[in-house]
Amino acid sequence: QVQLVESGGGLVQPGGSLRLSCAASGIIFSIYTMGWYRQAPGKQRELVASITTGGSTNYADSVKGRFTISRDHAKNTVYLQMNSLKPEDTAVYYCNAKPPVFGSWGQGTQVTVSS
């Protein structure tokens, strides 16, 4: 059974930073391209960053240069370092494979950027 547990969100001022973590279990973590997704109120869930098994990364234009995705195969964990946060980054953040082939999503972690 796949389990994805996201953590690290919170309330931060514009320009601040957060580091999100996603611990995966029940999967062979090392064979999947992993992604971070987010869903803002009233909007569709969107992919913001992804990382292949070999460490190649891709980012949505809206976060390029500010967010960094990484993964630790030994810990079955994927990270999202978010710098220079903006109010429009406010959303619930989730991890999943890319594409999101796992049958279920974690609970997500709320990121709120506000002064």
PDB file of N, CA and C in Angstrom:
ATOM      1  N   GLN A   1       0.848  -1.188   0.000  1.00  0.00           N
ATOM      2  CA  GLN A   1       0.000   0.000   0.000  1.00  0.00           C
ATOM      3  C   GLN A   1       0.881   1.234   0.000  1.00  0.00           C
ATOM      4  N   VAL A   2       0.619   2.112  -0.961  1.00  0.00           N
ATOM      5  CA  VAL A   2       1.408   3.337  -1.078  1.00  0.00           C
ATOM      6  C   VAL A   2       1.025   4.312   0.026  1.00  0.00           C
ATOM      7  N   GLN A   3       2.029   4.886   0.642  1.00  0.00           N
ATOM      8  CA  GLN A   3       1.786   5.942   1.611  1.00  0.00           C
ATOM      9  C   GLN A   3       2.750   7.089   1.340  1.00  0.00           C
ATOM     10  N   LEU A   4       2.183   8.280   1.220  1.00  0.00           N
ATOM     11  CA  LEU A   4       2.961   9.495   0.996  1.00  0.00           C
ATOM     12  C   LEU A   4       2.644  10.455   2.132  1.00  0.00           C
ATOM     13  N   VAL A   5       3.663  10.890   2.846  1.00  0.00           N
ATOM     14  CA  VAL A   5       3.460  11.767   3.994  1.00  0.00           C
ATOM     15  C   VAL A   5       4.253  13.039   3.791  1.00  0.00           C
ATOM     16  N   GLU A   6       3.531  14.131   3.554  1.00  0.00           N
ATOM     17  CA  GLU A   6       4.155  15.425   3.340  1.00  0.00           C
ATOM     18  C   GLU A   6       4.237  16.200   4.652  1.00  0.00           C
ATOM     19  N   SER A   7       5.286  16.997   4.795  1.00  0.00           N
ATOM     20  CA  SER A   7       5.457  17.807   5.990  1.00  0.00           C
ATOM     21  C   SER A   7       6.311  19.023   5.661  1.00  0.00           C
ATOM     22  N   GLY A   8       6.344  19.967   6.598  1.00  0.00           N
ATOM     23  CA  GLY A   8       7.220  21.113   6.457  1.00  0.00           C
ATOM     24  C   GLY A   8       6.538  22.415   6.090  1.00  0.00           C
ATOM     25  N   GLY A   9       5.252  22.380   5.852  1.00  0.00           N
ATOM     26  CA  GLY A   9       4.547  23.605   5.496  1.00  0.00           C
ATOM     27  C   GLY A   9       4.372  24.524   6.688  1.00  0.00           C
ATOM     28  N   GLY A  10       3.780  25.679   6.424  1.00  0.00           N
ATOM     29  CA  GLY A  10       3.542  26.627   7.494  1.00  0.00           C
ATOM     30  C   GLY A  10       3.207  27.993   6.959  1.00  0.00           C
ATOM     31  N   LEU A  11       3.199  28.961   7.864  1.00  0.00           N
ATOM     32  CA  LEU A  11       2.938  30.352   7.524  1.00  0.00           C
ATOM     33  C   LEU A  11       4.273  31.085   7.437  1.00  0.00           C
ATOM     34  N   VAL A  12       4.495  31.769   6.339  1.00  0.00           N
ATOM     35  CA  VAL A  12       5.751  32.476   6.144  1.00  0.00           C
ATOM     36  C   VAL A  12       5.464  33.815   5.470  1.00  0.00           C
ATOM     37  N   GLN A  13       6.302  34.787   5.751  1.00  0.00           N
ATOM     38  CA  GLN A  13       6.154  36.102   5.124  1.00  0.00           C
ATOM     39  C   GLN A  13       6.687  36.075   3.699  1.00  0.00           C
ATOM     40  N   PRO A  14       6.185  36.960   2.859  1.00  0.00           N
ATOM     41  CA  PRO A  14       6.748  37.067   1.501  1.00  0.00           C
ATOM     42  C   PRO A  14       8.264  37.255   1.564  1.00  0.00           C
ATOM     43  N   GLY A  15       8.949  36.527   0.681  1.00  0.00           N
ATOM     44  CA  GLY A  15      10.402  36.543   0.671  1.00  0.00           C
ATOM     45  C   GLY A  15      11.037  35.484   1.533  1.00  0.00           C
ATOM     46  N   GLY A  16      10.244  34.803   2.326  1.00  0.00           N
ATOM     47  CA  GLY A  16      10.757  33.774   3.222  1.00  0.00           C
ATOM     48  C   GLY A  16      10.993  32.446   2.536  1.00  0.00           C
ATOM     49  N   SER A  17      11.400  31.464   3.337  1.00  0.00           N
ATOM     50  CA  SER A  17      11.736  30.136   2.811  1.00  0.00           C
ATOM     51  C   SER A  17      11.083  29.041   3.646  1.00  0.00           C
ATOM     52  N   LEU A  18      10.850  27.928   2.983  1.00  0.00           N
ATOM     53  CA  LEU A  18      10.379  26.709   3.644  1.00  0.00           C
ATOM     54  C   LEU A  18      11.008  25.516   2.934  1.00  0.00           C
ATOM     55  N   ARG A  19      11.142  24.426   3.668  1.00  0.00           N
ATOM     56  CA  ARG A  19      11.604  23.169   3.066  1.00  0.00           C
ATOM     57  C   ARG A  19      10.571  22.100   3.342  1.00  0.00           C
ATOM     58  N   LEU A  20       9.998  21.584   2.279  1.00  0.00           N
ATOM     59  CA  LEU A  20       9.009  20.524   2.392  1.00  0.00           C
ATOM     60  C   LEU A  20       9.674  19.158   2.249  1.00  0.00           C
ATOM     61  N   SER A  21       9.106  18.176   2.930  1.00  0.00           N
ATOM     62  CA  SER A  21       9.578  16.793   2.815  1.00  0.00           C
ATOM     63  C   SER A  21       8.406  15.889   2.489  1.00  0.00           C
ATOM     64  N   CYS A  22       8.686  14.828   1.764  1.00  0.00           N
ATOM     65  CA  CYS A  22       7.667  13.816   1.468  1.00  0.00           C
ATOM     66  C   CYS A  22       8.313  12.454   1.633  1.00  0.00           C
ATOM     67  N   ALA A  23       7.845  11.713   2.619  1.00  0.00           N
ATOM     68  CA  ALA A  23       8.341  10.368   2.866  1.00  0.00           C
ATOM     69  C   ALA A  23       7.411   9.363   2.202  1.00  0.00           C
ATOM     70  N   ALA A  24       7.985   8.508   1.387  1.00  0.00           N
ATOM     71  CA  ALA A  24       7.201   7.516   0.643  1.00  0.00           C
ATOM     72  C   ALA A  24       7.459   6.118   1.179  1.00  0.00           C
ATOM     73  N   SER A  25       6.418   5.321   1.238  1.00  0.00           N
ATOM     74  CA  SER A  25       6.564   3.924   1.624  1.00  0.00           C
ATOM     75  C   SER A  25       5.599   3.086   0.789  1.00  0.00           C
ATOM     76  N   GLY A  26       5.875   1.789   0.733  1.00  0.00           N
ATOM     77  CA  GLY A  26       5.012   0.897  -0.023  1.00  0.00           C
ATOM     78  C   GLY A  26       5.281   0.903  -1.513  1.00  0.00           C
ATOM     79  N   ILE A  27       6.358   1.562  -1.934  1.00  0.00           N
ATOM     80  CA  ILE A  27       6.715   1.608  -3.350  1.00  0.00           C
ATOM     81  C   ILE A  27       8.206   1.369  -3.501  1.00  0.00           C
ATOM     82  N   ILE A  28       8.611   1.026  -4.715  1.00  0.00           N
ATOM     83  CA  ILE A  28      10.036   0.979  -5.011  1.00  0.00           C
ATOM     84  C   ILE A  28      10.410   2.390  -5.439  1.00  0.00           C
ATOM     85  N   PHE A  29      10.739   3.204  -4.452  1.00  0.00           N
ATOM     86  CA  PHE A  29      10.907   4.647  -4.630  1.00  0.00           C
ATOM     87  C   PHE A  29      11.884   4.962  -5.757  1.00  0.00           C
ATOM     88  N   SER A  30      12.927   4.177  -5.852  1.00  0.00           N
ATOM     89  CA  SER A  30      14.035   4.530  -6.744  1.00  0.00           C
ATOM     90  C   SER A  30      13.692   4.401  -8.223  1.00  0.00           C
ATOM     91  N   ILE A  31      12.563   3.815  -8.574  1.00  0.00           N
ATOM     92  CA  ILE A  31      12.257   3.637  -9.996  1.00  0.00           C
ATOM     93  C   ILE A  31      11.321   4.717 -10.532  1.00  0.00           C
ATOM     94  N   TYR A  32      10.859   5.609  -9.665  1.00  0.00           N
ATOM     95  CA  TYR A  32       9.877   6.600 -10.084  1.00  0.00           C
ATOM     96  C   TYR A  32      10.459   7.998 -10.206  1.00  0.00           C
ATOM     97  N   THR A  33      10.075   8.692 -11.291  1.00  0.00           N
ATOM     98  CA  THR A  33      10.215  10.142 -11.297  1.00  0.00           C
ATOM     99  C   THR A  33       9.196  10.678 -10.304  1.00  0.00           C
ATOM    100  N   MET A  34       9.637  11.549  -9.424  1.00  0.00           N
ATOM    101  CA  MET A  34       8.767  12.099  -8.390  1.00  0.00           C
ATOM    102  C   MET A  34       8.487  13.567  -8.656  1.00  0.00           C
ATOM    103  N   GLY A  35       7.334  13.998  -8.192  1.00  0.00           N
ATOM    104  CA  GLY A  35       6.954  15.390  -8.407  1.00  0.00           C
ATOM    105  C   GLY A  35       6.325  16.005  -7.173  1.00  0.00           C
ATOM    106  N   TRP A  36       6.445  17.325  -7.100  1.00  0.00           N
ATOM    107  CA  TRP A  36       5.692  18.114  -6.133  1.00  0.00           C
ATOM    108  C   TRP A  36       4.582  18.834  -6.876  1.00  0.00           C
ATOM    109  N   TYR A  37       3.401  18.752  -6.345  1.00  0.00           N
ATOM    110  CA  TYR A  37       2.228  19.384  -6.905  1.00  0.00           C
ATOM    111  C   TYR A  37       1.660  20.352  -5.868  1.00  0.00           C
ATOM    112  N   ARG A  38       0.848  21.278  -6.346  1.00  0.00           N
ATOM    113  CA  ARG A  38       0.158  22.156  -5.397  1.00  0.00           C
ATOM    114  C   ARG A  38      -1.239  22.464  -5.902  1.00  0.00           C
ATOM    115  N   GLN A  39      -2.106  22.753  -4.942  1.00  0.00           N
ATOM    116  CA  GLN A  39      -3.477  23.120  -5.276  1.00  0.00           C
ATOM    117  C   GLN A  39      -3.891  24.301  -4.419  1.00  0.00           C
ATOM    118  N   ALA A  40      -4.143  25.403  -5.093  1.00  0.00           N
ATOM    119  CA  ALA A  40      -4.624  26.600  -4.419  1.00  0.00           C
ATOM    120  C   ALA A  40      -6.156  26.568  -4.389  1.00  0.00           C
ATOM    121  N   PRO A  41      -6.754  27.293  -3.463  1.00  0.00           N
ATOM    122  CA  PRO A  41      -8.216  27.306  -3.367  1.00  0.00           C
ATOM    123  C   PRO A  41      -8.866  27.698  -4.689  1.00  0.00           C
ATOM    124  N   GLY A  42      -9.820  26.886  -5.144  1.00  0.00           N
ATOM    125  CA  GLY A  42     -10.534  27.190  -6.363  1.00  0.00           C
ATOM    126  C   GLY A  42      -9.781  26.910  -7.646  1.00  0.00           C
ATOM    127  N   LYS A  43      -8.590  26.308  -7.527  1.00  0.00           N
ATOM    128  CA  LYS A  43      -7.780  26.039  -8.714  1.00  0.00           C
ATOM    129  C   LYS A  43      -7.497  24.546  -8.834  1.00  0.00           C
ATOM    130  N   GLN A  44      -7.101  24.160 -10.049  1.00  0.00           N
ATOM    131  CA  GLN A  44      -6.720  22.779 -10.298  1.00  0.00           C
ATOM    132  C   GLN A  44      -5.349  22.494  -9.679  1.00  0.00           C
ATOM    133  N   ARG A  45      -5.138  21.223  -9.335  1.00  0.00           N
ATOM    134  CA  ARG A  45      -3.818  20.825  -8.866  1.00  0.00           C
ATOM    135  C   ARG A  45      -2.827  20.946 -10.021  1.00  0.00           C
ATOM    136  N   GLU A  46      -1.640  21.471  -9.739  1.00  0.00           N
ATOM    137  CA  GLU A  46      -0.637  21.658 -10.778  1.00  0.00           C
ATOM    138  C   GLU A  46       0.712  21.111 -10.335  1.00  0.00           C
ATOM    139  N   LEU A  47       1.477  20.658 -11.310  1.00  0.00           N
ATOM    140  CA  LEU A  47       2.824  20.178 -11.053  1.00  0.00           C
ATOM    141  C   LEU A  47       3.772  21.364 -10.993  1.00  0.00           C
ATOM    142  N   VAL A  48       4.564  21.458  -9.936  1.00  0.00           N
ATOM    143  CA  VAL A  48       5.498  22.580  -9.835  1.00  0.00           C
ATOM    144  C   VAL A  48       6.953  22.157 -10.025  1.00  0.00           C
ATOM    145  N   ALA A  49       7.281  20.904  -9.716  1.00  0.00           N
ATOM    146  CA  ALA A  49       8.665  20.458  -9.873  1.00  0.00           C
ATOM    147  C   ALA A  49       8.696  18.940  -9.958  1.00  0.00           C
ATOM    148  N   SER A  50       9.682  18.425 -10.673  1.00  0.00           N
ATOM    149  CA  SER A  50       9.839  16.980 -10.754  1.00  0.00           C
ATOM    150  C   SER A  50      11.318  16.631 -10.792  1.00  0.00           C
ATOM    151  N   ILE A  51      11.617  15.387 -10.404  1.00  0.00           N
ATOM    152  CA  ILE A  51      12.993  14.916 -10.391  1.00  0.00           C
ATOM    153  C   ILE A  51      13.005  13.454 -10.821  1.00  0.00           C
ATOM    154  N   THR A  52      13.887  13.142 -11.767  1.00  0.00           N
ATOM    155  CA  THR A  52      13.985  11.778 -12.255  1.00  0.00           C
ATOM    156  C   THR A  52      14.791  10.924 -11.283  1.00  0.00           C
ATOM    157  N   THR A  53      14.850   9.630 -11.580  1.00  0.00           N
ATOM    158  CA  THR A  53      15.627   8.735 -10.735  1.00  0.00           C
ATOM    159  C   THR A  53      17.104   9.107 -10.755  1.00  0.00           C
ATOM    160  N   GLY A  54      17.548   9.689 -11.848  1.00  0.00           N
ATOM    161  CA  GLY A  54      18.944  10.077 -11.958  1.00  0.00           C
ATOM    162  C   GLY A  54      19.245  11.477 -11.470  1.00  0.00           C
ATOM    163  N   GLY A  55      18.212  12.192 -11.045  1.00  0.00           N
ATOM    164  CA  GLY A  55      18.426  13.508 -10.464  1.00  0.00           C
ATOM    165  C   GLY A  55      18.189  14.683 -11.396  1.00  0.00           C
ATOM    166  N   SER A  56      17.713  14.436 -12.618  1.00  0.00           N
ATOM    167  CA  SER A  56      17.391  15.553 -13.505  1.00  0.00           C
ATOM    168  C   SER A  56      16.098  16.207 -13.036  1.00  0.00           C
ATOM    169  N   THR A  57      16.075  17.534 -13.101  1.00  0.00           N
ATOM    170  CA  THR A  57      14.949  18.270 -12.548  1.00  0.00           C
ATOM    171  C   THR A  57      14.252  19.129 -13.590  1.00  0.00           C
ATOM    172  N   ASN A  58      12.981  19.392 -13.333  1.00  0.00           N
ATOM    173  CA  ASN A  58      12.194  20.316 -14.148  1.00  0.00           C
ATOM    174  C   ASN A  58      11.294  21.124 -13.236  1.00  0.00           C
ATOM    175  N   TYR A  59      11.026  22.366 -13.654  1.00  0.00           N
ATOM    176  CA  TYR A  59      10.237  23.268 -12.835  1.00  0.00           C
ATOM    177  C   TYR A  59       9.207  24.001 -13.677  1.00  0.00           C
ATOM    178  N   ALA A  60       8.081  24.300 -13.053  1.00  0.00           N
ATOM    179  CA  ALA A  60       7.125  25.200 -13.679  1.00  0.00           C
ATOM    180  C   ALA A  60       7.752  26.586 -13.774  1.00  0.00           C
ATOM    181  N   ASP A  61       7.372  27.317 -14.793  1.00  0.00           N
ATOM    182  CA  ASP A  61       7.948  28.656 -14.981  1.00  0.00           C
ATOM    183  C   ASP A  61       7.720  29.541 -13.762  1.00  0.00           C
ATOM    184  N   SER A  62       6.603  29.348 -13.096  1.00  0.00           N
ATOM    185  CA  SER A  62       6.247  30.211 -11.971  1.00  0.00           C
ATOM    186  C   SER A  62       7.170  30.043 -10.766  1.00  0.00           C
ATOM    187  N   VAL A  63       7.910  28.935 -10.692  1.00  0.00           N
ATOM    188  CA  VAL A  63       8.773  28.694  -9.524  1.00  0.00           C
ATOM    189  C   VAL A  63      10.243  28.569  -9.906  1.00  0.00           C
ATOM    190  N   LYS A  64      10.523  28.604 -11.190  1.00  0.00           N
ATOM    191  CA  LYS A  64      11.906  28.420 -11.662  1.00  0.00           C
ATOM    192  C   LYS A  64      12.816  29.473 -11.051  1.00  0.00           C
ATOM    193  N   GLY A  65      13.949  29.018 -10.533  1.00  0.00           N
ATOM    194  CA  GLY A  65      14.899  29.927  -9.917  1.00  0.00           C
ATOM    195  C   GLY A  65      14.643  30.178  -8.441  1.00  0.00           C
ATOM    196  N   ARG A  66      13.487  29.747  -7.951  1.00  0.00           N
ATOM    197  CA  ARG A  66      13.145  29.956  -6.530  1.00  0.00           C
ATOM    198  C   ARG A  66      13.015  28.643  -5.773  1.00  0.00           C
ATOM    199  N   PHE A  67      12.553  27.598  -6.444  1.00  0.00           N
ATOM    200  CA  PHE A  67      12.330  26.291  -5.808  1.00  0.00           C
ATOM    201  C   PHE A  67      13.390  25.309  -6.286  1.00  0.00           C
ATOM    202  N   THR A  68      13.766  24.394  -5.405  1.00  0.00           N
ATOM    203  CA  THR A  68      14.702  23.327  -5.748  1.00  0.00           C
ATOM    204  C   THR A  68      14.183  22.005  -5.226  1.00  0.00           C
ATOM    205  N   ILE A  69      14.043  21.040  -6.121  1.00  0.00           N
ATOM    206  CA  ILE A  69      13.597  19.706  -5.736  1.00  0.00           C
ATOM    207  C   ILE A  69      14.808  18.795  -5.621  1.00  0.00           C
ATOM    208  N   SER A  70      14.779  17.900  -4.652  1.00  0.00           N
ATOM    209  CA  SER A  70      15.856  16.933  -4.481  1.00  0.00           C
ATOM    210  C   SER A  70      15.265  15.650  -3.902  1.00  0.00           C
ATOM    211  N   ARG A  71      16.052  14.590  -3.897  1.00  0.00           N
ATOM    212  CA  ARG A  71      15.565  13.325  -3.369  1.00  0.00           C
ATOM    213  C   ARG A  71      16.701  12.570  -2.699  1.00  0.00           C
ATOM    214  N   ASP A  72      16.320  11.747  -1.731  1.00  0.00           N
ATOM    215  CA  ASP A  72      17.265  10.907  -1.017  1.00  0.00           C
ATOM    216  C   ASP A  72      16.754   9.478  -1.144  1.00  0.00           C
ATOM    217  N   HIS A  73      17.420   8.687  -1.988  1.00  0.00           N
ATOM    218  CA  HIS A  73      16.951   7.317  -2.233  1.00  0.00           C
ATOM    219  C   HIS A  73      17.054   6.465  -0.971  1.00  0.00           C
ATOM    220  N   ALA A  74      18.058   6.709  -0.153  1.00  0.00           N
ATOM    221  CA  ALA A  74      18.241   5.910   1.058  1.00  0.00           C
ATOM    222  C   ALA A  74      17.095   6.121   2.046  1.00  0.00           C
ATOM    223  N   LYS A  75      16.515   7.321   2.014  1.00  0.00           N
ATOM    224  CA  LYS A  75      15.443   7.657   2.947  1.00  0.00           C
ATOM    225  C   LYS A  75      14.062   7.616   2.300  1.00  0.00           C
ATOM    226  N   ASN A  76      14.002   7.257   1.019  1.00  0.00           N
ATOM    227  CA  ASN A  76      12.724   7.256   0.295  1.00  0.00           C
ATOM    228  C   ASN A  76      11.984   8.578   0.475  1.00  0.00           C
ATOM    229  N   THR A  77      12.715   9.662   0.342  1.00  0.00           N
ATOM    230  CA  THR A  77      12.174  10.989   0.625  1.00  0.00           C
ATOM    231  C   THR A  77      12.504  11.948  -0.510  1.00  0.00           C
ATOM    232  N   VAL A  78      11.543  12.788  -0.833  1.00  0.00           N
ATOM    233  CA  VAL A  78      11.761  13.864  -1.795  1.00  0.00           C
ATOM    234  C   VAL A  78      11.516  15.190  -1.083  1.00  0.00           C
ATOM    235  N   TYR A  79      12.315  16.183  -1.431  1.00  0.00           N
ATOM    236  CA  TYR A  79      12.288  17.482  -0.765  1.00  0.00           C
ATOM    237  C   TYR A  79      11.940  18.582  -1.756  1.00  0.00           C
ATOM    238  N   LEU A  80      11.439  19.685  -1.225  1.00  0.00           N
ATOM    239  CA  LEU A  80      11.232  20.885  -2.028  1.00  0.00           C
ATOM    240  C   LEU A  80      11.697  22.083  -1.199  1.00  0.00           C
ATOM    241  N   GLN A  81      12.806  22.650  -1.586  1.00  0.00           N
ATOM    242  CA  GLN A  81      13.293  23.874  -0.958  1.00  0.00           C
ATOM    243  C   GLN A  81      12.658  25.052  -1.676  1.00  0.00           C
ATOM    244  N   MET A  82      11.953  25.878  -0.939  1.00  0.00           N
ATOM    245  CA  MET A  82      11.225  27.004  -1.524  1.00  0.00           C
ATOM    246  C   MET A  82      11.788  28.299  -0.947  1.00  0.00           C
ATOM    247  N   ASN A  83      12.354  29.118  -1.805  1.00  0.00           N
ATOM    248  CA  ASN A  83      12.917  30.402  -1.411  1.00  0.00           C
ATOM    249  C   ASN A  83      12.152  31.534  -2.089  1.00  0.00           C
ATOM    250  N   SER A  84      12.341  32.737  -1.593  1.00  0.00           N
ATOM    251  CA  SER A  84      11.698  33.926  -2.170  1.00  0.00           C
ATOM    252  C   SER A  84      10.211  33.692  -2.384  1.00  0.00           C
ATOM    253  N   LEU A  85       9.569  33.197  -1.361  1.00  0.00           N
ATOM    254  CA  LEU A  85       8.150  32.832  -1.481  1.00  0.00           C
ATOM    255  C   LEU A  85       7.288  34.066  -1.721  1.00  0.00           C
ATOM    256  N   LYS A  86       6.243  33.839  -2.511  1.00  0.00           N
ATOM    257  CA  LYS A  86       5.303  34.901  -2.873  1.00  0.00           C
ATOM    258  C   LYS A  86       3.896  34.511  -2.402  1.00  0.00           C
ATOM    259  N   PRO A  87       3.018  35.481  -2.229  1.00  0.00           N
ATOM    260  CA  PRO A  87       1.642  35.137  -1.827  1.00  0.00           C
ATOM    261  C   PRO A  87       0.973  34.145  -2.780  1.00  0.00           C
ATOM    262  N   GLU A  88       1.315  34.223  -4.057  1.00  0.00           N
ATOM    263  CA  GLU A  88       0.700  33.304  -5.023  1.00  0.00           C
ATOM    264  C   GLU A  88       1.215  31.871  -4.907  1.00  0.00           C
ATOM    265  N   ASP A  89       2.193  31.643  -4.047  1.00  0.00           N
ATOM    266  CA  ASP A  89       2.651  30.272  -3.769  1.00  0.00           C
ATOM    267  C   ASP A  89       1.771  29.590  -2.719  1.00  0.00           C
ATOM    268  N   THR A  90       0.850  30.336  -2.141  1.00  0.00           N
ATOM    269  CA  THR A  90      -0.046  29.775  -1.130  1.00  0.00           C
ATOM    270  C   THR A  90      -0.881  28.654  -1.729  1.00  0.00           C
ATOM    271  N   ALA A  91      -0.807  27.484  -1.105  1.00  0.00           N
ATOM    272  CA  ALA A  91      -1.503  26.301  -1.618  1.00  0.00           C
ATOM    273  C   ALA A  91      -1.250  25.133  -0.678  1.00  0.00           C
ATOM    274  N   VAL A  92      -1.959  24.050  -0.917  1.00  0.00           N
ATOM    275  CA  VAL A  92      -1.610  22.774  -0.288  1.00  0.00           C
ATOM    276  C   VAL A  92      -0.665  22.058  -1.243  1.00  0.00           C
ATOM    277  N   TYR A  93       0.459  21.606  -0.712  1.00  0.00           N
ATOM    278  CA  TYR A  93       1.489  20.956  -1.512  1.00  0.00           C
ATOM    279  C   TYR A  93       1.460  19.448  -1.281  1.00  0.00           C
ATOM    280  N   TYR A  94       1.543  18.712  -2.386  1.00  0.00           N
ATOM    281  CA  TYR A  94       1.500  17.255  -2.368  1.00  0.00           C
ATOM    282  C   TYR A  94       2.672  16.696  -3.163  1.00  0.00           C
ATOM    283  N   CYS A  95       3.054  15.477  -2.835  1.00  0.00           N
ATOM    284  CA  CYS A  95       3.997  14.772  -3.693  1.00  0.00           C
ATOM    285  C   CYS A  95       3.309  13.540  -4.279  1.00  0.00           C
ATOM    286  N   ASN A  96       3.824  13.111  -5.413  1.00  0.00           N
ATOM    287  CA  ASN A  96       3.344  11.903  -6.066  1.00  0.00           C
ATOM    288  C   ASN A  96       4.359  11.598  -7.152  1.00  0.00           C
ATOM    289  N   ALA A  97       4.146  10.513  -7.852  1.00  0.00           N
ATOM    290  CA  ALA A  97       4.989  10.249  -9.002  1.00  0.00           C
ATOM    291  C   ALA A  97       4.603  11.237 -10.110  1.00  0.00           C
ATOM    292  N   LYS A  98       5.463  11.307 -11.129  1.00  0.00           N
ATOM    293  CA  LYS A  98       5.130  12.070 -12.309  1.00  0.00           C
ATOM    294  C   LYS A  98       5.160  11.124 -13.504  1.00  0.00           C
ATOM    295  N   PRO A  99       4.012  10.867 -14.150  1.00  0.00           N
ATOM    296  CA  PRO A  99       2.680  11.334 -13.783  1.00  0.00           C
ATOM    297  C   PRO A  99       2.214  10.709 -12.486  1.00  0.00           C
ATOM    298  N   PRO A 100       1.137  11.230 -11.900  1.00  0.00           N
ATOM    299  CA  PRO A 100       0.710  10.783 -10.564  1.00  0.00           C
ATOM    300  C   PRO A 100       0.005   9.430 -10.612  1.00  0.00           C
ATOM    301  N   VAL A 101       0.788   8.379 -10.817  1.00  0.00           N
ATOM    302  CA  VAL A 101       0.218   7.051 -11.019  1.00  0.00           C
ATOM    303  C   VAL A 101      -0.188   6.352  -9.734  1.00  0.00           C
ATOM    304  N   PHE A 102       0.259   6.871  -8.603  1.00  0.00           N
ATOM    305  CA  PHE A 102      -0.138   6.231  -7.356  1.00  0.00           C
ATOM    306  C   PHE A 102      -1.628   6.441  -7.134  1.00  0.00           C
ATOM    307  N   GLY A 103      -2.292   5.445  -6.638  1.00  0.00           N
ATOM    308  CA  GLY A 103      -3.744   5.486  -6.533  1.00  0.00           C
ATOM    309  C   GLY A 103      -4.280   6.467  -5.526  1.00  0.00           C
ATOM    310  N   SER A 104      -3.434   6.904  -4.597  1.00  0.00           N
ATOM    311  CA  SER A 104      -3.931   7.820  -3.581  1.00  0.00           C
ATOM    312  C   SER A 104      -2.925   8.932  -3.368  1.00  0.00           C
ATOM    313  N   TRP A 105      -3.411  10.030  -2.827  1.00  0.00           N
ATOM    314  CA  TRP A 105      -2.583  11.168  -2.481  1.00  0.00           C
ATOM    315  C   TRP A 105      -2.444  11.238  -0.970  1.00  0.00           C
ATOM    316  N   GLY A 106      -1.366  11.844  -0.512  1.00  0.00           N
ATOM    317  CA  GLY A 106      -1.208  12.101   0.900  1.00  0.00           C
ATOM    318  C   GLY A 106      -2.128  13.224   1.339  1.00  0.00           C
ATOM    319  N   GLN A 107      -1.974  13.616   2.595  1.00  0.00           N
ATOM    320  CA  GLN A 107      -2.838  14.675   3.128  1.00  0.00           C
ATOM    321  C   GLN A 107      -2.373  16.059   2.692  1.00  0.00           C
ATOM    322  N   GLY A 108      -1.157  16.129   2.173  1.00  0.00           N
ATOM    323  CA  GLY A 108      -0.601  17.411   1.766  1.00  0.00           C
ATOM    324  C   GLY A 108      -0.113  18.213   2.954  1.00  0.00           C
ATOM    325  N   THR A 109       0.567  19.306   2.636  1.00  0.00           N
ATOM    326  CA  THR A 109       1.041  20.225   3.668  1.00  0.00           C
ATOM    327  C   THR A 109       0.728  21.640   3.219  1.00  0.00           C
ATOM    328  N   GLN A 110       0.112  22.407   4.099  1.00  0.00           N
ATOM    329  CA  GLN A 110      -0.350  23.756   3.754  1.00  0.00           C
ATOM    330  C   GLN A 110       0.808  24.747   3.813  1.00  0.00           C
ATOM    331  N   VAL A 111       0.951  25.516   2.756  1.00  0.00           N
ATOM    332  CA  VAL A 111       1.900  26.617   2.718  1.00  0.00           C
ATOM    333  C   VAL A 111       1.100  27.897   2.543  1.00  0.00           C
ATOM    334  N   THR A 112       1.292  28.819   3.462  1.00  0.00           N
ATOM    335  CA  THR A 112       0.605  30.105   3.402  1.00  0.00           C
ATOM    336  C   THR A 112       1.660  31.203   3.434  1.00  0.00           C
ATOM    337  N   VAL A 113       1.646  32.032   2.405  1.00  0.00           N
ATOM    338  CA  VAL A 113       2.596  33.138   2.309  1.00  0.00           C
ATOM    339  C   VAL A 113       1.810  34.437   2.477  1.00  0.00           C
ATOM    340  N   SER A 114       2.043  35.089   3.585  1.00  0.00           N
ATOM    341  CA  SER A 114       1.273  36.286   3.903  1.00  0.00           C
ATOM    342  C   SER A 114       2.023  37.139   4.905  1.00  0.00           C
ATOM    343  N   SER A 115       1.827  38.444   4.785  1.00  0.00           N
ATOM    344  CA  SER A 115       2.421  39.354   5.761  1.00  0.00           C
ATOM    345  C   SER A 115       1.433  39.658   6.878  1.00  0.00           C
TER     346      SER A 115
END
